[in-house]
Amino acid sequence: MPTTLTRIQVTQTPPVARALEIAAREWPGVPRSELITRLMTAGAQSVETACAERRAARRKVLEETRGTIDYPPGYLEELRKDWPE
């Protein structure tokens, strides 16, 4: 089909073939090119969700540990003595 959009080629390696088999069960009767599109969209959403969950977990740990380290008096001043101006 004519298009002005960039096209890509995908080699049907064993993992790609397996993914297409799974997609065909989920979306029967859908052309393989559309299955690839749906798989890529679902995969991207999954990766995006996983990234957001990791970021939220890191923030939670930072919030839970905020203020739990008790530095001795004068710690920063002593540390800054070694820093160039």
C-alpha atoms as a PDB file:
ATOM      1  CA  MET A   1       0.000   0.000   0.000  1.00  0.00           C
ATOM      2  CA  PRO A   2       1.450   3.421  -0.902  1.00  0.00           C
ATOM      3  CA  THR A   3       2.596   5.546   2.018  1.00  0.00           C
ATOM      4  CA  THR A   4       4.885   8.452   2.790  1.00  0.00           C
ATOM      5  CA  LEU A   5       5.796   6.913   6.141  1.00  0.00           C
ATOM      6  CA  THR A   6       9.071   5.092   6.680  1.00  0.00           C
ATOM      7  CA  ARG A   7       8.780   1.318   6.482  1.00  0.00           C
ATOM      8  CA  ILE A   8      10.871  -1.272   8.313  1.00  0.00           C
ATOM      9  CA  GLN A   9      11.634  -4.903   7.610  1.00  0.00           C
ATOM     10  CA  VAL A  10      11.271  -7.558  10.271  1.00  0.00           C
ATOM     11  CA  THR A  11      12.922 -10.947   9.884  1.00  0.00           C
ATOM     12  CA  GLN A  12      10.761 -13.782  11.134  1.00  0.00           C
ATOM     13  CA  THR A  13      13.207 -15.215  13.634  1.00  0.00           C
ATOM     14  CA  PRO A  14      11.946 -17.922  16.020  1.00  0.00           C
ATOM     15  CA  PRO A  15      11.076 -15.367  18.756  1.00  0.00           C
ATOM     16  CA  VAL A  16       9.200 -13.210  16.214  1.00  0.00           C
ATOM     17  CA  ALA A  17       7.343 -16.254  14.890  1.00  0.00           C
ATOM     18  CA  ARG A  18       6.377 -17.208  18.463  1.00  0.00           C
ATOM     19  CA  ALA A  19       5.147 -13.691  19.142  1.00  0.00           C
ATOM     20  CA  LEU A  20       3.076 -13.779  15.950  1.00  0.00           C
ATOM     21  CA  GLU A  21       1.542 -17.135  16.974  1.00  0.00           C
ATOM     22  CA  ILE A  22       0.540 -15.684  20.338  1.00  0.00           C
ATOM     23  CA  ALA A  23      -0.827 -12.541  18.694  1.00  0.00           C
ATOM     24  CA  ALA A  24      -2.813 -14.579  16.157  1.00  0.00           C
ATOM     25  CA  ARG A  25      -4.531 -16.416  19.025  1.00  0.00           C
ATOM     26  CA  GLU A  26      -5.339 -13.109  20.700  1.00  0.00           C
ATOM     27  CA  TRP A  27      -6.499 -11.394  17.508  1.00  0.00           C
ATOM     28  CA  PRO A  28      -7.662 -14.110  15.113  1.00  0.00           C
ATOM     29  CA  GLY A  29      -8.127 -13.161  11.460  1.00  0.00           C
ATOM     30  CA  VAL A  30      -5.931 -10.067  11.722  1.00  0.00           C
ATOM     31  CA  PRO A  31      -3.249  -9.743   8.997  1.00  0.00           C
ATOM     32  CA  ARG A  32       0.321 -10.417  10.124  1.00  0.00           C
ATOM     33  CA  SER A  33       1.391  -6.830   9.438  1.00  0.00           C
ATOM     34  CA  GLU A  34      -1.331  -5.613  11.798  1.00  0.00           C
ATOM     35  CA  LEU A  35      -0.299  -8.229  14.374  1.00  0.00           C
ATOM     36  CA  ILE A  36       3.230  -6.803  14.298  1.00  0.00           C
ATOM     37  CA  THR A  37       1.808  -3.304  14.837  1.00  0.00           C
ATOM     38  CA  ARG A  38      -0.362  -4.450  17.738  1.00  0.00           C
ATOM     39  CA  LEU A  39       2.524  -6.358  19.324  1.00  0.00           C
ATOM     40  CA  MET A  40       4.827  -3.353  19.048  1.00  0.00           C
ATOM     41  CA  THR A  41       2.211  -1.050  20.543  1.00  0.00           C
ATOM     42  CA  ALA A  42       1.491  -3.458  23.408  1.00  0.00           C
ATOM     43  CA  GLY A  43       5.219  -3.985  23.986  1.00  0.00           C
ATOM     44  CA  ALA A  44       5.917  -0.264  24.087  1.00  0.00           C
ATOM     45  CA  GLN A  45       3.083   0.248  26.551  1.00  0.00           C
ATOM     46  CA  SER A  46       4.429  -2.571  28.706  1.00  0.00           C
ATOM     47  CA  VAL A  47       7.946  -1.099  28.721  1.00  0.00           C
ATOM     48  CA  GLU A  48       6.581   2.362  29.510  1.00  0.00           C
ATOM     49  CA  THR A  49       4.531   0.967  32.403  1.00  0.00           C
ATOM     50  CA  ALA A  50       7.524  -0.965  33.762  1.00  0.00           C
ATOM     51  CA  CYS A  51       9.684   2.188  33.641  1.00  0.00           C
ATOM     52  CA  ALA A  52       7.026   4.179  35.499  1.00  0.00           C
ATOM     53  CA  GLU A  53       6.716   1.437  38.129  1.00  0.00           C
ATOM     54  CA  ARG A  54      10.501   1.347  38.673  1.00  0.00           C
ATOM     55  CA  ARG A  55      10.599   5.134  38.953  1.00  0.00           C
ATOM     56  CA  ALA A  56       7.723   5.089  41.473  1.00  0.00           C
ATOM     57  CA  ALA A  57       9.470   2.354  43.498  1.00  0.00           C
ATOM     58  CA  ARG A  58      12.704   4.383  43.618  1.00  0.00           C
ATOM     59  CA  ARG A  59      10.809   7.488  44.716  1.00  0.00           C
ATOM     60  CA  LYS A  60       9.020   5.489  47.419  1.00  0.00           C
ATOM     61  CA  VAL A  61      12.322   4.222  48.816  1.00  0.00           C
ATOM     62  CA  LEU A  62      13.773   7.740  48.736  1.00  0.00           C
ATOM     63  CA  GLU A  63      10.746   9.083  50.600  1.00  0.00           C
ATOM     64  CA  GLU A  64      10.892   6.259  53.145  1.00  0.00           C
ATOM     65  CA  THR A  65      14.586   6.820  53.843  1.00  0.00           C
ATOM     66  CA  ARG A  66      14.577  10.627  53.777  1.00  0.00           C
ATOM     67  CA  GLY A  67      15.988  11.989  57.011  1.00  0.00           C
ATOM     68  CA  THR A  68      17.103   8.615  58.358  1.00  0.00           C
ATOM     69  CA  ILE A  69      20.831   9.384  58.216  1.00  0.00           C
ATOM     70  CA  ASP A  70      22.007  11.406  61.160  1.00  0.00           C
ATOM     71  CA  TYR A  71      25.124  13.350  60.205  1.00  0.00           C
ATOM     72  CA  PRO A  72      27.317  14.718  62.989  1.00  0.00           C
ATOM     73  CA  PRO A  73      27.343  18.466  63.679  1.00  0.00           C
ATOM     74  CA  GLY A  74      29.649  20.352  61.302  1.00  0.00           C
ATOM     75  CA  TYR A  75      29.703  17.497  58.768  1.00  0.00           C
ATOM     76  CA  LEU A  76      28.981  19.672  55.726  1.00  0.00           C
ATOM     77  CA  GLU A  77      31.419  22.385  56.714  1.00  0.00           C
ATOM     78  CA  GLU A  78      34.153  19.804  57.190  1.00  0.00           C
ATOM     79  CA  LEU A  79      33.321  18.167  53.850  1.00  0.00           C
ATOM     80  CA  ARG A  80      33.354  21.495  51.999  1.00  0.00           C
ATOM     81  CA  LYS A  81      36.870  22.303  53.174  1.00  0.00           C
ATOM     82  CA  ASP A  82      38.154  19.824  50.556  1.00  0.00           C
ATOM     83  CA  TRP A  83      36.154  21.384  47.686  1.00  0.00           C
ATOM     84  CA  PRO A  84      37.789  23.934  45.424  1.00  0.00           C
ATOM     85  CA  GLU A  85      36.089  27.331  45.302  1.00  0.00           C
END
